[in-house]
Amino acid sequence: MAGRPKKKTPNTEKSMEELMKTAVQLFTVPYDDRNGRREDELPSIRSVAEVMNTTILRVRKLLVTAGYFSTAQSREVQQRFAEGQAINQIIEEMHIKQASVYSYLPYQRIAYNLDETTVNADRHKLFRQRRKVVQELKKRIGHPDGEQYLWEALLLFANYPFKTAKGLMYSYTIKTGRDGEYIGEIIFDRKVKSITRATINLAYEKALEIQEKEGYVSGPKKLGVFGASYIYPVFVRLGVISPEKE
C-alpha cells in the first residue's frame, strides 16, 4: 500500500527572493535621498505595491533589503538597531510607528545579489536618458520639431509603468518591422490597443492647444482621439501637459 505523498514544504526564502527581484524590476532605479532620483518620480513604492498586490510597507522592506531604498530615517533606524537598541526604544525616541520601523529593517535571512552588475548599470543609464529626453522635450514643446522630440521620448519610455485616471497600471511597446526598425505604431498592453504615430501627433497638437488656452488639460476626453485614456498619462509624465491648473 502506497503511503501518502509527502507534503511539499514551501521554500520561503526562495519565494522572498522572487518577490524582491520583482519589486526591484518594477522600481527600476534605486532611491537614495542623498543623490539620484527624486522620491516623487514614478514608479513609486505605492505603484509597485499595487502591481504586486501587496502593501507599501512590504515593498519598502523588500527594496531596503535589496539596497534599493535609503532615506535619513531608514538609515537611522538601521543604525540604532545595529547598535543594540530595542524596537520599542526606537519607536519611542524617533516617534514613528512600529510597522514603519520594521519596514526600514532588511530581511535577515534573505540575501539579494544582482544577476549582473551591468544590469544595474543599464537601469541607471536608462533612467538618466529618460530624464534628459524629458528635459529636452519640454524645451521644444510648441516648436516645429516638437513632434520628433516627443517620438524620441516615447521610444525611451517603452515598458515604463503608467497608470490610467482610473488607477489601472499599463505600459506600451513600439512596434518594429522585419528589419528591426521602429515603425509608427504603439502597442498598449492593457487591452492590446494599437495606436498610430499619426494619432499620437494629433493628440499632441490638441493637448498643446488646450494647455495654451486653459493652462492645463483636465482629462483624457479632452484629447478627443482613440486611446486617449492611455495617451493622456504618458503626456503628463513627459511634461507635455499639466493635469491641474497651475
C-alpha atoms as a PDB file:
ATOM      1  CA  MET A   1       0.000   0.000   0.000  1.00  0.00           C
ATOM      2  CA  ALA A   2       1.490   3.258  -1.123  1.00  0.00           C
ATOM      3  CA  GLY A   3       1.877   5.860   1.556  1.00  0.00           C
ATOM      4  CA  ARG A   4       0.613   9.341   1.293  1.00  0.00           C
ATOM      5  CA  PRO A   5       2.801  11.649  -0.783  1.00  0.00           C
ATOM      6  CA  LYS A   6       4.922  13.880   1.364  1.00  0.00           C
ATOM      7  CA  LYS A   7       3.755  17.429   1.723  1.00  0.00           C
ATOM      8  CA  LYS A   8       5.972  19.840  -0.105  1.00  0.00           C
ATOM      9  CA  THR A   9       7.474  22.408   2.223  1.00  0.00           C
ATOM     10  CA  PRO A  10       7.371  25.821   0.588  1.00  0.00           C
ATOM     11  CA  ASN A  11      10.767  27.427   0.160  1.00  0.00           C
ATOM     12  CA  THR A  12      10.043  30.711   1.911  1.00  0.00           C
ATOM     13  CA  GLU A  13      13.470  32.187   1.256  1.00  0.00           C
ATOM     14  CA  LYS A  14      13.263  31.481  -2.464  1.00  0.00           C
ATOM     15  CA  SER A  15       9.758  32.978  -2.623  1.00  0.00           C
ATOM     16  CA  MET A  16      11.003  36.124  -0.895  1.00  0.00           C
ATOM     17  CA  GLU A  17      13.926  36.370  -3.305  1.00  0.00           C
ATOM     18  CA  GLU A  18      11.495  36.211  -6.219  1.00  0.00           C
ATOM     19  CA  LEU A  19       9.330  38.917  -4.647  1.00  0.00           C
ATOM     20  CA  MET A  20      12.413  41.042  -4.123  1.00  0.00           C
ATOM     21  CA  LYS A  21      13.502  40.691  -7.735  1.00  0.00           C
ATOM     22  CA  THR A  22      10.010  41.666  -8.882  1.00  0.00           C
ATOM     23  CA  ALA A  23       9.998  44.749  -6.631  1.00  0.00           C
ATOM     24  CA  VAL A  24      13.437  45.799  -7.894  1.00  0.00           C
ATOM     25  CA  GLN A  25      12.445  45.360 -11.544  1.00  0.00           C
ATOM     26  CA  LEU A  26       9.285  47.417 -11.088  1.00  0.00           C
ATOM     27  CA  PHE A  27      11.036  50.136  -9.062  1.00  0.00           C
ATOM     28  CA  THR A  28      13.675  50.291 -11.848  1.00  0.00           C
ATOM     29  CA  VAL A  29      16.220  52.649 -10.219  1.00  0.00           C
ATOM     30  CA  PRO A  30      17.467  52.764  -6.592  1.00  0.00           C
ATOM     31  CA  TYR A  31      16.329  55.680  -4.451  1.00  0.00           C
ATOM     32  CA  ASP A  32      18.694  57.400  -2.030  1.00  0.00           C
ATOM     33  CA  ASP A  33      17.709  60.796  -0.626  1.00  0.00           C
ATOM     34  CA  ARG A  34      21.366  61.862  -0.766  1.00  0.00           C
ATOM     35  CA  ASN A  35      21.546  61.632  -4.542  1.00  0.00           C
ATOM     36  CA  GLY A  36      19.930  60.314  -7.710  1.00  0.00           C
ATOM     37  CA  ARG A  37      16.240  60.178  -8.457  1.00  0.00           C
ATOM     38  CA  ARG A  38      13.538  62.132  -6.666  1.00  0.00           C
ATOM     39  CA  GLU A  39      11.209  60.094  -4.474  1.00  0.00           C
ATOM     40  CA  ASP A  40       8.132  61.530  -6.205  1.00  0.00           C
ATOM     41  CA  GLU A  41       9.198  60.260  -9.635  1.00  0.00           C
ATOM     42  CA  LEU A  42       7.326  57.230 -10.892  1.00  0.00           C
ATOM     43  CA  PRO A  43       7.389  54.338 -10.426  1.00  0.00           C
ATOM     44  CA  SER A  44       6.707  54.947  -6.749  1.00  0.00           C
ATOM     45  CA  ILE A  45       6.621  52.379  -3.945  1.00  0.00           C
ATOM     46  CA  ARG A  46       2.825  52.738  -3.975  1.00  0.00           C
ATOM     47  CA  SER A  47       2.568  51.915  -7.687  1.00  0.00           C
ATOM     48  CA  VAL A  48       4.891  48.910  -7.239  1.00  0.00           C
ATOM     49  CA  ALA A  49       2.746  47.694  -4.325  1.00  0.00           C
ATOM     50  CA  GLU A  50      -0.379  47.980  -6.477  1.00  0.00           C
ATOM     51  CA  VAL A  51       1.156  45.936  -9.279  1.00  0.00           C
ATOM     52  CA  MET A  52       2.371  43.269  -6.821  1.00  0.00           C
ATOM     53  CA  ASN A  53      -0.949  43.336  -4.937  1.00  0.00           C
ATOM     54  CA  THR A  54       0.770  43.808  -1.591  1.00  0.00           C
ATOM     55  CA  THR A  55       1.357  46.549   0.974  1.00  0.00           C
ATOM     56  CA  ILE A  56       3.556  49.622   0.660  1.00  0.00           C
ATOM     57  CA  LEU A  57       5.419  48.642   3.839  1.00  0.00           C
ATOM     58  CA  ARG A  58       6.262  45.205   2.467  1.00  0.00           C
ATOM     59  CA  VAL A  59       7.557  46.617  -0.808  1.00  0.00           C
ATOM     60  CA  ARG A  60       9.667  49.121   1.109  1.00  0.00           C
ATOM     61  CA  LYS A  61      11.177  46.332   3.216  1.00  0.00           C
ATOM     62  CA  LEU A  62      11.954  44.333   0.069  1.00  0.00           C
ATOM     63  CA  LEU A  63      13.633  47.357  -1.527  1.00  0.00           C
ATOM     64  CA  VAL A  64      15.563  48.130   1.662  1.00  0.00           C
ATOM     65  CA  THR A  65      16.826  44.547   1.735  1.00  0.00           C
ATOM     66  CA  ALA A  66      17.889  44.823  -1.903  1.00  0.00           C
ATOM     67  CA  GLY A  67      19.677  48.102  -1.234  1.00  0.00           C
ATOM     68  CA  TYR A  68      17.226  49.947  -3.469  1.00  0.00           C
ATOM     69  CA  PHE A  69      15.719  52.336  -0.929  1.00  0.00           C
ATOM     70  CA  SER A  70      17.527  54.557   1.557  1.00  0.00           C
ATOM     71  CA  THR A  71      16.421  57.657   3.481  1.00  0.00           C
ATOM     72  CA  ALA A  72      17.769  59.529   6.507  1.00  0.00           C
ATOM     73  CA  GLN A  73      15.056  57.885   8.612  1.00  0.00           C
ATOM     74  CA  SER A  74      15.698  54.349   7.341  1.00  0.00           C
ATOM     75  CA  ARG A  75      19.432  54.728   7.901  1.00  0.00           C
ATOM     76  CA  GLU A  76      18.894  55.988  11.452  1.00  0.00           C
ATOM     77  CA  VAL A  77      16.583  53.068  12.259  1.00  0.00           C
ATOM     78  CA  GLN A  78      19.128  50.599  10.895  1.00  0.00           C
ATOM     79  CA  GLN A  79      21.987  52.231  12.808  1.00  0.00           C
ATOM     80  CA  ARG A  80      20.086  52.268  16.099  1.00  0.00           C
ATOM     81  CA  PHE A  81      19.079  48.630  15.630  1.00  0.00           C
ATOM     82  CA  ALA A  82      22.677  47.647  14.795  1.00  0.00           C
ATOM     83  CA  GLU A  83      23.841  49.367  17.989  1.00  0.00           C
ATOM     84  CA  GLY A  84      21.510  47.168  20.012  1.00  0.00           C
ATOM     85  CA  GLN A  85      18.523  49.427  20.619  1.00  0.00           C
ATOM     86  CA  ALA A  86      15.226  47.636  21.141  1.00  0.00           C
ATOM     87  CA  ILE A  87      12.375  48.211  18.710  1.00  0.00           C
ATOM     88  CA  ASN A  88      10.247  49.856  21.420  1.00  0.00           C
ATOM     89  CA  GLN A  89      13.064  52.268  22.216  1.00  0.00           C
ATOM     90  CA  ILE A  90      13.472  53.201  18.552  1.00  0.00           C
ATOM     91  CA  ILE A  91       9.716  53.809  18.272  1.00  0.00           C
ATOM     92  CA  GLU A  92       9.689  55.997  21.377  1.00  0.00           C
ATOM     93  CA  GLU A  93      12.761  58.064  20.550  1.00  0.00           C
ATOM     94  CA  MET A  94      12.094  58.505  16.824  1.00  0.00           C
ATOM     95  CA  HIS A  95       8.298  58.945  17.188  1.00  0.00           C
ATOM     96  CA  ILE A  96       7.427  56.564  14.368  1.00  0.00           C
ATOM     97  CA  LYS A  97       5.105  53.575  14.194  1.00  0.00           C
ATOM     98  CA  GLN A  98       6.221  50.010  14.808  1.00  0.00           C
ATOM     99  CA  ALA A  99       5.250  48.941  11.276  1.00  0.00           C
ATOM    100  CA  SER A 100       7.453  51.683   9.824  1.00  0.00           C
ATOM    101  CA  VAL A 101      10.418  50.611  11.952  1.00  0.00           C
ATOM    102  CA  TYR A 102      10.152  47.022  10.724  1.00  0.00           C
ATOM    103  CA  SER A 103       9.790  48.177   7.106  1.00  0.00           C
ATOM    104  CA  TYR A 104      13.125  50.009   7.381  1.00  0.00           C
ATOM    105  CA  LEU A 105      14.948  46.902   8.618  1.00  0.00           C
ATOM    106  CA  PRO A 106      16.095  44.440   5.935  1.00  0.00           C
ATOM    107  CA  TYR A 107      15.061  40.807   5.981  1.00  0.00           C
ATOM    108  CA  GLN A 108      17.764  38.985   7.928  1.00  0.00           C
ATOM    109  CA  ARG A 109      17.757  35.622   6.135  1.00  0.00           C
ATOM    110  CA  ILE A 110      17.346  36.844   2.587  1.00  0.00           C
ATOM    111  CA  ALA A 111      20.357  37.904   0.565  1.00  0.00           C
ATOM    112  CA  TYR A 112      19.901  39.738  -2.698  1.00  0.00           C
ATOM    113  CA  ASN A 113      22.523  39.796  -5.415  1.00  0.00           C
ATOM    114  CA  LEU A 114      22.092  41.457  -8.791  1.00  0.00           C
ATOM    115  CA  ASP A 115      22.397  38.870 -11.554  1.00  0.00           C
ATOM    116  CA  GLU A 116      24.860  41.089 -13.367  1.00  0.00           C
ATOM    117  CA  THR A 117      26.418  44.395 -12.438  1.00  0.00           C
ATOM    118  CA  THR A 118      25.738  45.534 -15.989  1.00  0.00           C
ATOM    119  CA  VAL A 119      22.000  45.113 -15.420  1.00  0.00           C
ATOM    120  CA  ASN A 120      22.081  47.681 -12.633  1.00  0.00           C
ATOM    121  CA  ALA A 121      24.309  49.972 -14.697  1.00  0.00           C
ATOM    122  CA  ASP A 122      21.871  49.733 -17.615  1.00  0.00           C
ATOM    123  CA  ARG A 123      18.981  50.725 -15.361  1.00  0.00           C
ATOM    124  CA  HIS A 124      20.866  53.809 -14.190  1.00  0.00           C
ATOM    125  CA  LYS A 125      21.763  54.677 -17.767  1.00  0.00           C
ATOM    126  CA  LEU A 126      18.142  54.353 -18.929  1.00  0.00           C
ATOM    127  CA  PHE A 127      16.969  56.497 -16.009  1.00  0.00           C
ATOM    128  CA  ARG A 128      19.426  59.259 -16.963  1.00  0.00           C
ATOM    129  CA  GLN A 129      18.406  59.019 -20.624  1.00  0.00           C
ATOM    130  CA  ARG A 130      14.723  59.309 -19.746  1.00  0.00           C
ATOM    131  CA  ARG A 131      15.301  62.311 -17.510  1.00  0.00           C
ATOM    132  CA  LYS A 132      17.356  64.016 -20.225  1.00  0.00           C
ATOM    133  CA  VAL A 133      14.856  63.360 -23.015  1.00  0.00           C
ATOM    134  CA  VAL A 134      12.023  64.815 -20.901  1.00  0.00           C
ATOM    135  CA  GLN A 135      14.071  67.953 -20.269  1.00  0.00           C
ATOM    136  CA  GLU A 136      14.824  68.300 -23.986  1.00  0.00           C
ATOM    137  CA  LEU A 137      11.187  67.710 -24.954  1.00  0.00           C
ATOM    138  CA  LYS A 138       9.972  70.441 -22.586  1.00  0.00           C
ATOM    139  CA  LYS A 139      12.303  72.926 -24.315  1.00  0.00           C
ATOM    140  CA  ARG A 140      10.957  72.028 -27.768  1.00  0.00           C
ATOM    141  CA  ILE A 141       7.220  71.880 -26.986  1.00  0.00           C
ATOM    142  CA  GLY A 142       5.429  74.158 -29.438  1.00  0.00           C
ATOM    143  CA  HIS A 143       8.366  74.238 -31.874  1.00  0.00           C
ATOM    144  CA  PRO A 144       8.110  72.728 -35.388  1.00  0.00           C
ATOM    145  CA  ASP A 145      10.380  69.829 -34.367  1.00  0.00           C
ATOM    146  CA  GLY A 146       8.451  69.141 -31.146  1.00  0.00           C
ATOM    147  CA  GLU A 147       6.811  66.009 -32.559  1.00  0.00           C
ATOM    148  CA  GLN A 148      10.203  64.447 -33.274  1.00  0.00           C
ATOM    149  CA  TYR A 149      11.352  65.108 -29.697  1.00  0.00           C
ATOM    150  CA  LEU A 150       8.064  63.603 -28.479  1.00  0.00           C
ATOM    151  CA  TRP A 151       8.698  60.464 -30.512  1.00  0.00           C
ATOM    152  CA  GLU A 152      12.221  60.106 -29.128  1.00  0.00           C
ATOM    153  CA  ALA A 153      10.803  60.391 -25.613  1.00  0.00           C
ATOM    154  CA  LEU A 154       8.162  57.755 -26.395  1.00  0.00           C
ATOM    155  CA  LEU A 155      10.873  55.358 -27.584  1.00  0.00           C
ATOM    156  CA  LEU A 156      12.779  55.692 -24.302  1.00  0.00           C
ATOM    157  CA  PHE A 157       9.677  55.293 -22.125  1.00  0.00           C
ATOM    158  CA  ALA A 158       8.638  51.982 -23.696  1.00  0.00           C
ATOM    159  CA  ASN A 159       7.899  49.378 -20.958  1.00  0.00           C
ATOM    160  CA  TYR A 160       7.641  52.131 -18.331  1.00  0.00           C
ATOM    161  CA  PRO A 161       4.773  51.604 -15.828  1.00  0.00           C
ATOM    162  CA  PHE A 162       1.992  54.167 -16.286  1.00  0.00           C
ATOM    163  CA  LYS A 163      -1.368  54.486 -14.575  1.00  0.00           C
ATOM    164  CA  THR A 164      -4.727  55.481 -16.116  1.00  0.00           C
ATOM    165  CA  ALA A 165      -7.047  58.006 -14.475  1.00  0.00           C
ATOM    166  CA  LYS A 166      -8.935  55.006 -13.035  1.00  0.00           C
ATOM    167  CA  GLY A 167      -5.750  53.673 -11.422  1.00  0.00           C
ATOM    168  CA  LEU A 168      -5.079  50.810 -13.846  1.00  0.00           C
ATOM    169  CA  MET A 169      -1.411  50.029 -14.467  1.00  0.00           C
ATOM    170  CA  TYR A 170      -0.173  49.587 -18.037  1.00  0.00           C
ATOM    171  CA  SER A 171       2.831  50.028 -20.298  1.00  0.00           C
ATOM    172  CA  TYR A 172       3.474  50.081 -24.029  1.00  0.00           C
ATOM    173  CA  THR A 173       5.909  48.869 -26.659  1.00  0.00           C
ATOM    174  CA  ILE A 174       6.867  50.317 -30.041  1.00  0.00           C
ATOM    175  CA  LYS A 175       6.238  48.025 -32.981  1.00  0.00           C
ATOM    176  CA  THR A 176       9.194  47.156 -35.194  1.00  0.00           C
ATOM    177  CA  GLY A 177       9.328  45.967 -38.789  1.00  0.00           C
ATOM    178  CA  ARG A 178      11.119  42.919 -40.165  1.00  0.00           C
ATOM    179  CA  ASP A 179      14.349  44.875 -40.394  1.00  0.00           C
ATOM    180  CA  GLY A 180      14.153  45.704 -36.682  1.00  0.00           C
ATOM    181  CA  GLU A 181      13.475  49.384 -37.345  1.00  0.00           C
ATOM    182  CA  TYR A 182      10.746  51.117 -35.352  1.00  0.00           C
ATOM    183  CA  ILE A 183       7.561  51.849 -37.254  1.00  0.00           C
ATOM    184  CA  GLY A 184       4.972  54.442 -36.291  1.00  0.00           C
ATOM    185  CA  GLU A 185       2.793  52.231 -34.113  1.00  0.00           C
ATOM    186  CA  ILE A 186       2.486  51.929 -30.338  1.00  0.00           C
ATOM    187  CA  ILE A 187       1.020  48.848 -28.636  1.00  0.00           C
ATOM    188  CA  PHE A 188      -0.574  49.453 -25.229  1.00  0.00           C
ATOM    189  CA  ASP A 189      -0.666  46.207 -23.252  1.00  0.00           C
ATOM    190  CA  ARG A 190      -3.732  46.912 -21.099  1.00  0.00           C
ATOM    191  CA  LYS A 191      -6.187  45.934 -23.833  1.00  0.00           C
ATOM    192  CA  VAL A 192      -3.683  45.326 -26.601  1.00  0.00           C
ATOM    193  CA  LYS A 193      -4.570  48.617 -28.211  1.00  0.00           C
ATOM    194  CA  SER A 194      -2.592  49.712 -31.256  1.00  0.00           C
ATOM    195  CA  ILE A 195      -2.247  53.446 -31.799  1.00  0.00           C
ATOM    196  CA  THR A 196      -0.503  55.026 -34.756  1.00  0.00           C
ATOM    197  CA  ARG A 197       2.082  57.770 -34.561  1.00  0.00           C
ATOM    198  CA  ALA A 198      -0.301  59.988 -36.534  1.00  0.00           C
ATOM    199  CA  THR A 199      -2.886  59.628 -33.745  1.00  0.00           C
ATOM    200  CA  ILE A 200      -0.245  60.471 -31.146  1.00  0.00           C
ATOM    201  CA  ASN A 201       0.699  63.610 -33.091  1.00  0.00           C
ATOM    202  CA  LEU A 202      -2.964  64.589 -33.395  1.00  0.00           C
ATOM    203  CA  ALA A 203      -3.396  64.183 -29.628  1.00  0.00           C
ATOM    204  CA  TYR A 204      -0.193  66.188 -29.087  1.00  0.00           C
ATOM    205  CA  GLU A 205      -1.453  69.122 -31.163  1.00  0.00           C
ATOM    206  CA  LYS A 206      -4.825  69.059 -29.394  1.00  0.00           C
ATOM    207  CA  ALA A 207      -3.138  68.865 -25.976  1.00  0.00           C
ATOM    208  CA  LEU A 208      -0.909  71.875 -26.694  1.00  0.00           C
ATOM    209  CA  GLU A 209      -3.886  73.859 -27.935  1.00  0.00           C
ATOM    210  CA  ILE A 210      -5.864  73.197 -24.724  1.00  0.00           C
ATOM    211  CA  GLN A 211      -2.815  73.673 -22.500  1.00  0.00           C
ATOM    212  CA  GLU A 212      -2.097  77.074 -24.023  1.00  0.00           C
ATOM    213  CA  LYS A 213      -5.727  78.172 -23.801  1.00  0.00           C
ATOM    214  CA  GLU A 214      -6.685  76.854 -20.357  1.00  0.00           C
ATOM    215  CA  GLY A 215      -3.331  76.270 -18.650  1.00  0.00           C
ATOM    216  CA  TYR A 216      -3.989  72.567 -18.149  1.00  0.00           C
ATOM    217  CA  VAL A 217      -5.748  69.547 -19.676  1.00  0.00           C
ATOM    218  CA  SER A 218      -8.344  68.208 -17.258  1.00  0.00           C
ATOM    219  CA  GLY A 219      -8.632  64.643 -18.560  1.00  0.00           C
ATOM    220  CA  PRO A 220      -8.231  62.118 -21.405  1.00  0.00           C
ATOM    221  CA  LYS A 221     -11.536  63.005 -23.087  1.00  0.00           C
ATOM    222  CA  LYS A 222     -10.177  66.450 -23.878  1.00  0.00           C
ATOM    223  CA  LEU A 223      -7.702  64.901 -26.327  1.00  0.00           C
ATOM    224  CA  GLY A 224     -10.546  63.552 -28.466  1.00  0.00           C
ATOM    225  CA  VAL A 225      -8.624  60.681 -30.054  1.00  0.00           C
ATOM    226  CA  PHE A 226      -8.702  56.896 -29.972  1.00  0.00           C
ATOM    227  CA  GLY A 227      -6.739  55.545 -26.998  1.00  0.00           C
ATOM    228  CA  ALA A 228      -6.818  58.891 -25.158  1.00  0.00           C
ATOM    229  CA  SER A 229      -7.072  57.184 -21.746  1.00  0.00           C
ATOM    230  CA  TYR A 230      -3.602  55.695 -22.378  1.00  0.00           C
ATOM    231  CA  ILE A 231      -2.053  58.663 -24.171  1.00  0.00           C
ATOM    232  CA  TYR A 232      -3.054  61.198 -21.509  1.00  0.00           C
ATOM    233  CA  PRO A 233      -0.950  59.766 -18.591  1.00  0.00           C
ATOM    234  CA  VAL A 234       2.040  59.476 -20.942  1.00  0.00           C
ATOM    235  CA  PHE A 235       1.743  63.145 -21.905  1.00  0.00           C
ATOM    236  CA  VAL A 236       1.503  64.110 -18.227  1.00  0.00           C
ATOM    237  CA  ARG A 237       4.615  62.085 -17.344  1.00  0.00           C
ATOM    238  CA  LEU A 238       6.583  63.556 -20.247  1.00  0.00           C
ATOM    239  CA  GLY A 239       5.642  67.081 -19.209  1.00  0.00           C
ATOM    240  CA  VAL A 240       3.669  67.816 -22.373  1.00  0.00           C
ATOM    241  CA  ILE A 241       0.594  68.849 -20.352  1.00  0.00           C
ATOM    242  CA  SER A 242      -0.409  69.661 -16.791  1.00  0.00           C
ATOM    243  CA  PRO A 243      -3.309  67.693 -15.269  1.00  0.00           C
ATOM    244  CA  GLU A 244      -4.267  70.589 -12.980  1.00  0.00           C
ATOM    245  CA  LYS A 245      -4.388  74.339 -13.344  1.00  0.00           C
ATOM    246  CA  GLU A 246      -1.118  75.891 -12.264  1.00  0.00           C
END
